[in-house]
Amino acid sequence: MDCLLDTIEADLDAVLNAGIKASLIIVDGPQAPDFVKNRCDTITYTMRGSPATMCAAWDTNYLEDKQTLITALGQRSDNHPALAYMYFTGVCSSNGAEGHCRID
């Protein structure tokens, strides 16, 4: 996770140096990292004809990992002058970002 946080911080610093602001979207669903999906109960479904896997929204390990990320990200980027806002998707975001839940 430190590598992810370092990358986000470096990107925000680059945006600041360019004189603009950034939106940070943290995707979930099938785009959750493998280390998260390997610790949770998963749901497999079809998205646009291809199989996809995501954590069950109620899984304790998934919720713990997401809380850890949210806390660490907040500690590292809260009040960063280049950050306009953060948007977190839910686990049921079957396309990863827009919050659509296309699970039968």
PDB file of N, CA and C in Angstrom:
ATOM      1  N   MET A   1       0.819  -1.189   0.000  1.00  0.00           N
ATOM      2  CA  MET A   1       0.000   0.000   0.000  1.00  0.00           C
ATOM      3  C   MET A   1       0.866   1.257   0.000  1.00  0.00           C
ATOM      4  N   ASP A   2       2.045   1.176   0.603  1.00  0.00           N
ATOM      5  CA  ASP A   2       2.919   2.352   0.618  1.00  0.00           C
ATOM      6  C   ASP A   2       3.276   2.811  -0.790  1.00  0.00           C
ATOM      7  N   CYS A   3       3.487   1.853  -1.698  1.00  0.00           N
ATOM      8  CA  CYS A   3       3.801   2.209  -3.087  1.00  0.00           C
ATOM      9  C   CYS A   3       2.636   2.971  -3.720  1.00  0.00           C
ATOM     10  N   LEU A   4       1.423   2.497  -3.486  1.00  0.00           N
ATOM     11  CA  LEU A   4       0.240   3.194  -4.004  1.00  0.00           C
ATOM     12  C   LEU A   4       0.152   4.607  -3.442  1.00  0.00           C
ATOM     13  N   LEU A   5       0.326   4.749  -2.138  1.00  0.00           N
ATOM     14  CA  LEU A   5       0.241   6.074  -1.504  1.00  0.00           C
ATOM     15  C   LEU A   5       1.357   6.997  -1.987  1.00  0.00           C
ATOM     16  N   ASP A   6       2.561   6.444  -2.172  1.00  0.00           N
ATOM     17  CA  ASP A   6       3.666   7.248  -2.711  1.00  0.00           C
ATOM     18  C   ASP A   6       3.353   7.743  -4.118  1.00  0.00           C
ATOM     19  N   THR A   7       2.753   6.870  -4.942  1.00  0.00           N
ATOM     20  CA  THR A   7       2.401   7.241  -6.310  1.00  0.00           C
ATOM     21  C   THR A   7       1.337   8.338  -6.322  1.00  0.00           C
ATOM     22  N   ILE A   8       0.325   8.191  -5.489  1.00  0.00           N
ATOM     23  CA  ILE A   8      -0.728   9.204  -5.409  1.00  0.00           C
ATOM     24  C   ILE A   8      -0.142  10.540  -4.966  1.00  0.00           C
ATOM     25  N   GLU A   9       0.715  10.512  -3.961  1.00  0.00           N
ATOM     26  CA  GLU A   9       1.325  11.748  -3.470  1.00  0.00           C
ATOM     27  C   GLU A   9       2.191  12.408  -4.550  1.00  0.00           C
ATOM     28  N   ALA A  10       2.972  11.601  -5.265  1.00  0.00           N
ATOM     29  CA  ALA A  10       3.810  12.147  -6.340  1.00  0.00           C
ATOM     30  C   ALA A  10       2.952  12.741  -7.451  1.00  0.00           C
ATOM     31  N   ASP A  11       1.861  12.070  -7.795  1.00  0.00           N
ATOM     32  CA  ASP A  11       0.966  12.596  -8.830  1.00  0.00           C
ATOM     33  C   ASP A  11       0.325  13.908  -8.384  1.00  0.00           C
ATOM     34  N   LEU A  12      -0.089  13.980  -7.127  1.00  0.00           N
ATOM     35  CA  LEU A  12      -0.677  15.230  -6.621  1.00  0.00           C
ATOM     36  C   LEU A  12       0.351  16.351  -6.627  1.00  0.00           C
ATOM     37  N   ASP A  13       1.594  16.045  -6.268  1.00  0.00           N
ATOM     38  CA  ASP A  13       2.647  17.058  -6.309  1.00  0.00           C
ATOM     39  C   ASP A  13       2.887  17.543  -7.736  1.00  0.00           C
ATOM     40  N   ALA A  14       2.847  16.627  -8.708  1.00  0.00           N
ATOM     41  CA  ALA A  14       3.032  17.009 -10.111  1.00  0.00           C
ATOM     42  C   ALA A  14       1.884  17.895 -10.579  1.00  0.00           C
ATOM     43  N   VAL A  15       0.672  17.564 -10.164  1.00  0.00           N
ATOM     44  CA  VAL A  15      -0.493  18.386 -10.510  1.00  0.00           C
ATOM     45  C   VAL A  15      -0.351  19.775  -9.903  1.00  0.00           C
ATOM     46  N   LEU A  16       0.084  19.832  -8.651  1.00  0.00           N
ATOM     47  CA  LEU A  16       0.292  21.119  -7.983  1.00  0.00           C
ATOM     48  C   LEU A  16       1.326  21.951  -8.739  1.00  0.00           C
ATOM     49  N   ASN A  17       2.407  21.307  -9.161  1.00  0.00           N
ATOM     50  CA  ASN A  17       3.450  22.019  -9.911  1.00  0.00           C
ATOM     51  C   ASN A  17       2.952  22.517 -11.259  1.00  0.00           C
ATOM     52  N   ALA A  18       1.932  21.858 -11.797  1.00  0.00           N
ATOM     53  CA  ALA A  18       1.345  22.298 -13.065  1.00  0.00           C
ATOM     54  C   ALA A  18       0.315  23.404 -12.858  1.00  0.00           C
ATOM     55  N   GLY A  19       0.001  23.693 -11.600  1.00  0.00           N
ATOM     56  CA  GLY A  19      -0.932  24.775 -11.297  1.00  0.00           C
ATOM     57  C   GLY A  19      -2.396  24.418 -11.473  1.00  0.00           C
ATOM     58  N   ILE A  20      -2.703  23.138 -11.403  1.00  0.00           N
ATOM     59  CA  ILE A  20      -4.096  22.720 -11.549  1.00  0.00           C
ATOM     60  C   ILE A  20      -4.512  21.879 -10.331  1.00  0.00           C
ATOM     61  N   LYS A  21      -5.775  21.483 -10.302  1.00  0.00           N
ATOM     62  CA  LYS A  21      -6.282  20.623  -9.237  1.00  0.00           C
ATOM     63  C   LYS A  21      -6.683  19.280  -9.824  1.00  0.00           C
ATOM     64  N   ALA A  22      -6.717  18.264  -8.965  1.00  0.00           N
ATOM     65  CA  ALA A  22      -7.034  16.912  -9.414  1.00  0.00           C
ATOM     66  C   ALA A  22      -8.173  16.327  -8.608  1.00  0.00           C
ATOM     67  N   SER A  23      -8.900  15.426  -9.249  1.00  0.00           N
ATOM     68  CA  SER A  23      -9.888  14.582  -8.583  1.00  0.00           C
ATOM     69  C   SER A  23      -9.250  13.212  -8.426  1.00  0.00           C
ATOM     70  N   LEU A  24      -9.432  12.617  -7.301  1.00  0.00           N
ATOM     71  CA  LEU A  24      -8.875  11.291  -7.051  1.00  0.00           C
ATOM     72  C   LEU A  24     -10.025  10.310  -6.905  1.00  0.00           C
ATOM     73  N   ILE A  25     -10.083   9.330  -7.800  1.00  0.00           N
ATOM     74  CA  ILE A  25     -11.121   8.300  -7.741  1.00  0.00           C
ATOM     75  C   ILE A  25     -10.454   6.990  -7.340  1.00  0.00           C
ATOM     76  N   ILE A  26     -10.934   6.426  -6.254  1.00  0.00           N
ATOM     77  CA  ILE A  26     -10.440   5.135  -5.794  1.00  0.00           C
ATOM     78  C   ILE A  26     -11.467   4.095  -6.224  1.00  0.00           C
ATOM     79  N   VAL A  27     -11.081   3.261  -7.172  1.00  0.00           N
ATOM     80  CA  VAL A  27     -12.016   2.273  -7.707  1.00  0.00           C
ATOM     81  C   VAL A  27     -12.021   1.022  -6.847  1.00  0.00           C
ATOM     82  N   ASP A  28     -13.082   0.285  -6.992  1.00  0.00           N
ATOM     83  CA  ASP A  28     -13.287  -0.916  -6.188  1.00  0.00           C
ATOM     84  C   ASP A  28     -13.842  -1.990  -7.103  1.00  0.00           C
ATOM     85  N   GLY A  29     -14.670  -2.843  -6.590  1.00  0.00           N
ATOM     86  CA  GLY A  29     -15.261  -3.897  -7.403  1.00  0.00           C
ATOM     87  C   GLY A  29     -14.191  -4.782  -8.002  1.00  0.00           C
ATOM     88  N   PRO A  30     -14.258  -5.071  -9.301  1.00  0.00           N
ATOM     89  CA  PRO A  30     -13.283  -5.973  -9.908  1.00  0.00           C
ATOM     90  C   PRO A  30     -11.879  -5.370  -9.998  1.00  0.00           C
ATOM     91  N   GLN A  31     -11.762  -4.054  -9.831  1.00  0.00           N
ATOM     92  CA  GLN A  31     -10.448  -3.412  -9.885  1.00  0.00           C
ATOM     93  C   GLN A  31      -9.738  -3.393  -8.537  1.00  0.00           C
ATOM     94  N   ALA A  32     -10.342  -3.929  -7.492  1.00  0.00           N
ATOM     95  CA  ALA A  32      -9.657  -4.017  -6.202  1.00  0.00           C
ATOM     96  C   ALA A  32      -8.376  -4.827  -6.399  1.00  0.00           C
ATOM     97  N   PRO A  33      -7.332  -4.488  -5.682  1.00  0.00           N
ATOM     98  CA  PRO A  33      -6.056  -5.221  -5.838  1.00  0.00           C
ATOM     99  C   PRO A  33      -6.216  -6.709  -5.482  1.00  0.00           C
ATOM    100  N   ASP A  34      -5.392  -7.526  -6.102  1.00  0.00           N
ATOM    101  CA  ASP A  34      -5.452  -8.965  -5.841  1.00  0.00           C
ATOM    102  C   ASP A  34      -5.220  -9.286  -4.371  1.00  0.00           C
ATOM    103  N   PHE A  35      -4.330  -8.535  -3.698  1.00  0.00           N
ATOM    104  CA  PHE A  35      -4.068  -8.841  -2.292  1.00  0.00           C
ATOM    105  C   PHE A  35      -5.318  -8.629  -1.442  1.00  0.00           C
ATOM    106  N   VAL A  36      -6.219  -7.762  -1.871  1.00  0.00           N
ATOM    107  CA  VAL A  36      -7.492  -7.584  -1.163  1.00  0.00           C
ATOM    108  C   VAL A  36      -8.429  -8.733  -1.508  1.00  0.00           C
ATOM    109  N   LYS A  37      -8.550  -9.027  -2.805  1.00  0.00           N
ATOM    110  CA  LYS A  37      -9.461 -10.089  -3.232  1.00  0.00           C
ATOM    111  C   LYS A  37      -9.024 -11.462  -2.726  1.00  0.00           C
ATOM    112  N   ASN A  38      -7.731 -11.655  -2.504  1.00  0.00           N
ATOM    113  CA  ASN A  38      -7.244 -12.939  -2.001  1.00  0.00           C
ATOM    114  C   ASN A  38      -7.605 -13.158  -0.533  1.00  0.00           C
ATOM    115  N   ARG A  39      -7.977 -12.097   0.172  1.00  0.00           N
ATOM    116  CA  ARG A  39      -8.319 -12.206   1.601  1.00  0.00           C
ATOM    117  C   ARG A  39      -9.822 -12.220   1.859  1.00  0.00           C
ATOM    118  N   CYS A  40     -10.633 -12.078   0.851  1.00  0.00           N
ATOM    119  CA  CYS A  40     -12.081 -11.931   1.086  1.00  0.00           C
ATOM    120  C   CYS A  40     -12.875 -13.042   0.403  1.00  0.00           C
ATOM    121  N   ASP A  41     -14.118 -13.176   0.837  1.00  0.00           N
ATOM    122  CA  ASP A  41     -15.063 -14.011   0.103  1.00  0.00           C
ATOM    123  C   ASP A  41     -15.434 -13.237  -1.153  1.00  0.00           C
ATOM    124  N   THR A  42     -15.385 -13.901  -2.298  1.00  0.00           N
ATOM    125  CA  THR A  42     -15.613 -13.205  -3.559  1.00  0.00           C
ATOM    126  C   THR A  42     -16.915 -13.634  -4.225  1.00  0.00           C
ATOM    127  N   ILE A  43     -17.349 -12.779  -5.114  1.00  0.00           N
ATOM    128  CA  ILE A  43     -18.507 -13.022  -5.967  1.00  0.00           C
ATOM    129  C   ILE A  43     -17.997 -12.957  -7.400  1.00  0.00           C
ATOM    130  N   THR A  44     -18.310 -13.964  -8.190  1.00  0.00           N
ATOM    131  CA  THR A  44     -17.928 -13.966  -9.604  1.00  0.00           C
ATOM    132  C   THR A  44     -19.181 -13.707 -10.427  1.00  0.00           C
ATOM    133  N   TYR A  45     -19.059 -12.858 -11.424  1.00  0.00           N
ATOM    134  CA  TYR A  45     -20.186 -12.459 -12.262  1.00  0.00           C
ATOM    135  C   TYR A  45     -19.671 -12.157 -13.657  1.00  0.00           C
ATOM    136  N   THR A  46     -20.567 -11.858 -14.564  1.00  0.00           N
ATOM    137  CA  THR A  46     -20.187 -11.530 -15.941  1.00  0.00           C
ATOM    138  C   THR A  46     -20.373 -10.036 -16.162  1.00  0.00           C
ATOM    139  N   MET A  47     -19.351  -9.397 -16.694  1.00  0.00           N
ATOM    140  CA  MET A  47     -19.399  -7.974 -17.012  1.00  0.00           C
ATOM    141  C   MET A  47     -19.030  -7.811 -18.471  1.00  0.00           C
ATOM    142  N   ARG A  48     -19.990  -7.384 -19.280  1.00  0.00           N
ATOM    143  CA  ARG A  48     -19.771  -7.200 -20.721  1.00  0.00           C
ATOM    144  C   ARG A  48     -19.231  -8.465 -21.375  1.00  0.00           C
ATOM    145  N   GLY A  49     -19.783  -9.613 -20.959  1.00  0.00           N
ATOM    146  CA  GLY A  49     -19.410 -10.880 -21.555  1.00  0.00           C
ATOM    147  C   GLY A  49     -18.164 -11.533 -20.997  1.00  0.00           C
ATOM    148  N   SER A  50     -17.505 -10.892 -20.052  1.00  0.00           N
ATOM    149  CA  SER A  50     -16.290 -11.453 -19.472  1.00  0.00           C
ATOM    150  C   SER A  50     -16.484 -11.694 -17.978  1.00  0.00           C
ATOM    151  N   PRO A  51     -15.868 -12.750 -17.442  1.00  0.00           N
ATOM    152  CA  PRO A  51     -15.998 -12.999 -16.010  1.00  0.00           C
ATOM    153  C   PRO A  51     -15.238 -11.948 -15.199  1.00  0.00           C
ATOM    154  N   ALA A  52     -15.806 -11.591 -14.074  1.00  0.00           N
ATOM    155  CA  ALA A  52     -15.170 -10.640 -13.160  1.00  0.00           C
ATOM    156  C   ALA A  52     -15.407 -11.125 -11.737  1.00  0.00           C
ATOM    157  N   THR A  53     -14.533 -10.700 -10.835  1.00  0.00           N
ATOM    158  CA  THR A  53     -14.616 -11.098  -9.433  1.00  0.00           C
ATOM    159  C   THR A  53     -14.482  -9.877  -8.557  1.00  0.00           C
ATOM    160  N   MET A  54     -15.298  -9.842  -7.500  1.00  0.00           N
ATOM    161  CA  MET A  54     -15.179  -8.764  -6.526  1.00  0.00           C
ATOM    162  C   MET A  54     -15.446  -9.324  -5.134  1.00  0.00           C
ATOM    163  N   CYS A  55     -15.032  -8.596  -4.132  1.00  0.00           N
ATOM    164  CA  CYS A  55     -15.261  -9.003  -2.753  1.00  0.00           C
ATOM    165  C   CYS A  55     -16.730  -8.843  -2.398  1.00  0.00           C
ATOM    166  N   ALA A  56     -17.202  -9.724  -1.530  1.00  0.00           N
ATOM    167  CA  ALA A  56     -18.541  -9.551  -0.980  1.00  0.00           C
ATOM    168  C   ALA A  56     -18.522  -8.305  -0.094  1.00  0.00           C
ATOM    169  N   ALA A  57     -19.500  -7.439  -0.260  1.00  0.00           N
ATOM    170  CA  ALA A  57     -19.509  -6.141   0.435  1.00  0.00           C
ATOM    171  C   ALA A  57     -19.483  -6.279   1.944  1.00  0.00           C
ATOM    172  N   TRP A  58     -19.931  -7.366   2.491  1.00  0.00           N
ATOM    173  CA  TRP A  58     -20.013  -7.568   3.934  1.00  0.00           C
ATOM    174  C   TRP A  58     -18.802  -8.304   4.499  1.00  0.00           C
ATOM    175  N   ASP A  59     -17.862  -8.698   3.649  1.00  0.00           N
ATOM    176  CA  ASP A  59     -16.720  -9.471   4.105  1.00  0.00           C
ATOM    177  C   ASP A  59     -15.856  -8.657   5.074  1.00  0.00           C
ATOM    178  N   THR A  60     -15.556  -9.238   6.213  1.00  0.00           N
ATOM    179  CA  THR A  60     -14.804  -8.551   7.263  1.00  0.00           C
ATOM    180  C   THR A  60     -13.411  -8.140   6.803  1.00  0.00           C
ATOM    181  N   ASN A  61     -12.696  -9.026   6.101  1.00  0.00           N
ATOM    182  CA  ASN A  61     -11.350  -8.687   5.634  1.00  0.00           C
ATOM    183  C   ASN A  61     -11.389  -7.564   4.606  1.00  0.00           C
ATOM    184  N   TYR A  62     -12.372  -7.624   3.701  1.00  0.00           N
ATOM    185  CA  TYR A  62     -12.522  -6.553   2.713  1.00  0.00           C
ATOM    186  C   TYR A  62     -12.758  -5.215   3.405  1.00  0.00           C
ATOM    187  N   LEU A  63     -13.681  -5.188   4.352  1.00  0.00           N
ATOM    188  CA  LEU A  63     -13.986  -3.940   5.061  1.00  0.00           C
ATOM    189  C   LEU A  63     -12.782  -3.428   5.840  1.00  0.00           C
ATOM    190  N   GLU A  64     -12.028  -4.338   6.424  1.00  0.00           N
ATOM    191  CA  GLU A  64     -10.808  -3.950   7.150  1.00  0.00           C
ATOM    192  C   GLU A  64      -9.776  -3.340   6.197  1.00  0.00           C
ATOM    193  N   ASP A  65      -9.567  -3.985   5.048  1.00  0.00           N
ATOM    194  CA  ASP A  65      -8.599  -3.464   4.076  1.00  0.00           C
ATOM    195  C   ASP A  65      -9.025  -2.096   3.543  1.00  0.00           C
ATOM    196  N   LYS A  66     -10.312  -1.935   3.278  1.00  0.00           N
ATOM    197  CA  LYS A  66     -10.786  -0.643   2.765  1.00  0.00           C
ATOM    198  C   LYS A  66     -10.632   0.451   3.826  1.00  0.00           C
ATOM    199  N   GLN A  67     -10.933   0.125   5.074  1.00  0.00           N
ATOM    200  CA  GLN A  67     -10.762   1.105   6.156  1.00  0.00           C
ATOM    201  C   GLN A  67      -9.297   1.496   6.308  1.00  0.00           C
ATOM    202  N   THR A  68      -8.411   0.524   6.196  1.00  0.00           N
ATOM    203  CA  THR A  68      -6.976   0.810   6.276  1.00  0.00           C
ATOM    204  C   THR A  68      -6.554   1.763   5.165  1.00  0.00           C
ATOM    205  N   LEU A  69      -7.027   1.513   3.937  1.00  0.00           N
ATOM    206  CA  LEU A  69      -6.700   2.389   2.814  1.00  0.00           C
ATOM    207  C   LEU A  69      -7.248   3.799   3.029  1.00  0.00           C
ATOM    208  N   ILE A  70      -8.504   3.891   3.422  1.00  0.00           N
ATOM    209  CA  ILE A  70      -9.120   5.212   3.616  1.00  0.00           C
ATOM    210  C   ILE A  70      -8.370   6.006   4.683  1.00  0.00           C
ATOM    211  N   THR A  71      -8.025   5.351   5.781  1.00  0.00           N
ATOM    212  CA  THR A  71      -7.313   6.027   6.863  1.00  0.00           C
ATOM    213  C   THR A  71      -5.930   6.483   6.405  1.00  0.00           C
ATOM    214  N   ALA A  72      -5.188   5.587   5.778  1.00  0.00           N
ATOM    215  CA  ALA A  72      -3.831   5.930   5.329  1.00  0.00           C
ATOM    216  C   ALA A  72      -3.850   7.015   4.270  1.00  0.00           C
ATOM    217  N   LEU A  73      -4.788   6.929   3.342  1.00  0.00           N
ATOM    218  CA  LEU A  73      -4.896   7.942   2.295  1.00  0.00           C
ATOM    219  C   LEU A  73      -5.241   9.301   2.891  1.00  0.00           C
ATOM    220  N   GLY A  74      -6.155   9.316   3.840  1.00  0.00           N
ATOM    221  CA  GLY A  74      -6.505  10.569   4.501  1.00  0.00           C
ATOM    222  C   GLY A  74      -5.327  11.187   5.230  1.00  0.00           C
ATOM    223  N   GLN A  75      -4.554  10.356   5.909  1.00  0.00           N
ATOM    224  CA  GLN A  75      -3.384  10.860   6.632  1.00  0.00           C
ATOM    225  C   GLN A  75      -2.341  11.440   5.685  1.00  0.00           C
ATOM    226  N   ARG A  76      -2.212  10.845   4.511  1.00  0.00           N
ATOM    227  CA  ARG A  76      -1.182  11.288   3.566  1.00  0.00           C
ATOM    228  C   ARG A  76      -1.612  12.435   2.665  1.00  0.00           C
ATOM    229  N   SER A  77      -2.911  12.551   2.378  1.00  0.00           N
ATOM    230  CA  SER A  77      -3.303  13.539   1.373  1.00  0.00           C
ATOM    231  C   SER A  77      -4.325  14.562   1.841  1.00  0.00           C
ATOM    232  N   ASP A  78      -4.793  14.467   3.075  1.00  0.00           N
ATOM    233  CA  ASP A  78      -5.746  15.456   3.580  1.00  0.00           C
ATOM    234  C   ASP A  78      -5.142  16.852   3.470  1.00  0.00           C
ATOM    235  N   ASN A  79      -5.891  17.759   2.930  1.00  0.00           N
ATOM    236  CA  ASN A  79      -5.482  19.157   2.753  1.00  0.00           C
ATOM    237  C   ASN A  79      -4.367  19.358   1.733  1.00  0.00           C
ATOM    238  N   HIS A  80      -4.121  18.381   0.863  1.00  0.00           N
ATOM    239  CA  HIS A  80      -3.133  18.608  -0.200  1.00  0.00           C
ATOM    240  C   HIS A  80      -3.698  19.699  -1.108  1.00  0.00           C
ATOM    241  N   PRO A  81      -2.945  20.741  -1.393  1.00  0.00           N
ATOM    242  CA  PRO A  81      -3.486  21.870  -2.154  1.00  0.00           C
ATOM    243  C   PRO A  81      -3.912  21.548  -3.583  1.00  0.00           C
ATOM    244  N   ALA A  82      -3.464  20.436  -4.135  1.00  0.00           N
ATOM    245  CA  ALA A  82      -3.856  20.083  -5.504  1.00  0.00           C
ATOM    246  C   ALA A  82      -5.076  19.172  -5.551  1.00  0.00           C
ATOM    247  N   LEU A  83      -5.534  18.694  -4.402  1.00  0.00           N
ATOM    248  CA  LEU A  83      -6.629  17.736  -4.384  1.00  0.00           C
ATOM    249  C   LEU A  83      -7.965  18.451  -4.261  1.00  0.00           C
ATOM    250  N   ALA A  84      -8.758  18.371  -5.328  1.00  0.00           N
ATOM    251  CA  ALA A  84     -10.074  19.009  -5.329  1.00  0.00           C
ATOM    252  C   ALA A  84     -11.067  18.176  -4.530  1.00  0.00           C
ATOM    253  N   TYR A  85     -11.080  16.864  -4.760  1.00  0.00           N
ATOM    254  CA  TYR A  85     -11.945  15.962  -4.004  1.00  0.00           C
ATOM    255  C   TYR A  85     -11.511  14.521  -4.234  1.00  0.00           C
ATOM    256  N   MET A  86     -12.005  13.636  -3.357  1.00  0.00           N
ATOM    257  CA  MET A  86     -11.810  12.197  -3.511  1.00  0.00           C
ATOM    258  C   MET A  86     -13.167  11.548  -3.682  1.00  0.00           C
ATOM    259  N   TYR A  87     -13.196  10.520  -4.505  1.00  0.00           N
ATOM    260  CA  TYR A  87     -14.424   9.772  -4.747  1.00  0.00           C
ATOM    261  C   TYR A  87     -14.093   8.293  -4.577  1.00  0.00           C
ATOM    262  N   PHE A  88     -14.778   7.645  -3.664  1.00  0.00           N
ATOM    263  CA  PHE A  88     -14.593   6.212  -3.438  1.00  0.00           C
ATOM    264  C   PHE A  88     -15.790   5.475  -4.002  1.00  0.00           C
ATOM    265  N   THR A  89     -15.534   4.458  -4.809  1.00  0.00           N
ATOM    266  CA  THR A  89     -16.627   3.643  -5.283  1.00  0.00           C
ATOM    267  C   THR A  89     -16.911   2.557  -4.258  1.00  0.00           C
ATOM    268  N   GLY A  90     -18.066   1.954  -4.367  1.00  0.00           N
ATOM    269  CA  GLY A  90     -18.412   0.844  -3.489  1.00  0.00           C
ATOM    270  C   GLY A  90     -18.025  -0.464  -4.119  1.00  0.00           C
ATOM    271  N   VAL A  91     -18.007  -1.490  -3.316  1.00  0.00           N
ATOM    272  CA  VAL A  91     -17.632  -2.809  -3.820  1.00  0.00           C
ATOM    273  C   VAL A  91     -18.558  -3.262  -4.936  1.00  0.00           C
ATOM    274  N   CYS A  92     -19.785  -2.806  -4.931  1.00  0.00           N
ATOM    275  CA  CYS A  92     -20.753  -3.252  -5.925  1.00  0.00           C
ATOM    276  C   CYS A  92     -20.638  -2.477  -7.236  1.00  0.00           C
ATOM    277  N   SER A  93     -19.590  -1.705  -7.383  1.00  0.00           N
ATOM    278  CA  SER A  93     -19.370  -0.972  -8.628  1.00  0.00           C
ATOM    279  C   SER A  93     -18.821  -1.946  -9.660  1.00  0.00           C
ATOM    280  N   SER A  94     -19.720  -2.609 -10.345  1.00  0.00           N
ATOM    281  CA  SER A  94     -19.291  -3.689 -11.225  1.00  0.00           C
ATOM    282  C   SER A  94     -18.407  -3.213 -12.368  1.00  0.00           C
ATOM    283  N   ASN A  95     -18.472  -1.939 -12.719  1.00  0.00           N
ATOM    284  CA  ASN A  95     -17.537  -1.438 -13.720  1.00  0.00           C
ATOM    285  C   ASN A  95     -16.376  -0.699 -13.062  1.00  0.00           C
ATOM    286  N   GLY A  96     -16.350  -0.656 -11.729  1.00  0.00           N
ATOM    287  CA  GLY A  96     -15.215  -0.125 -11.005  1.00  0.00           C
ATOM    288  C   GLY A  96     -15.298   1.326 -10.619  1.00  0.00           C
ATOM    289  N   ALA A  97     -16.079   2.145 -11.310  1.00  0.00           N
ATOM    290  CA  ALA A  97     -16.045   3.568 -10.995  1.00  0.00           C
ATOM    291  C   ALA A  97     -17.407   4.237 -10.882  1.00  0.00           C
ATOM    292  N   GLU A  98     -18.382   3.805 -11.613  1.00  0.00           N
ATOM    293  CA  GLU A  98     -19.622   4.571 -11.671  1.00  0.00           C
ATOM    294  C   GLU A  98     -20.714   4.101 -10.729  1.00  0.00           C
ATOM    295  N   GLY A  99     -20.475   3.064  -9.975  1.00  0.00           N
ATOM    296  CA  GLY A  99     -21.452   2.622  -9.013  1.00  0.00           C
ATOM    297  C   GLY A  99     -22.593   1.793  -9.569  1.00  0.00           C
ATOM    298  N   HIS A 100     -22.475   1.344 -10.802  1.00  0.00           N
ATOM    299  CA  HIS A 100     -23.502   0.482 -11.373  1.00  0.00           C
ATOM    300  C   HIS A 100     -23.331  -0.928 -10.848  1.00  0.00           C
ATOM    301  N   CYS A 101     -24.405  -1.523 -10.418  1.00  0.00           N
ATOM    302  CA  CYS A 101     -24.329  -2.889  -9.902  1.00  0.00           C
ATOM    303  C   CYS A 101     -25.082  -3.815 -10.844  1.00  0.00           C
ATOM    304  N   ARG A 102     -24.363  -4.436 -11.746  1.00  0.00           N
ATOM    305  CA  ARG A 102     -24.990  -5.293 -12.763  1.00  0.00           C
ATOM    306  C   ARG A 102     -24.807  -6.768 -12.409  1.00  0.00           C
ATOM    307  N   ILE A 103     -25.237  -7.127 -11.247  1.00  0.00           N
ATOM    308  CA  ILE A 103     -25.097  -8.498 -10.803  1.00  0.00           C
ATOM    309  C   ILE A 103     -26.477  -9.118 -10.677  1.00  0.00           C
ATOM    310  N   ASP A 104     -26.657 -10.266 -11.298  1.00  0.00           N
ATOM    311  CA  ASP A 104     -27.933 -10.952 -11.263  1.00  0.00           C
ATOM    312  C   ASP A 104     -28.097 -11.649  -9.910  1.00  0.00           C
TER     313      ASP A 104
END
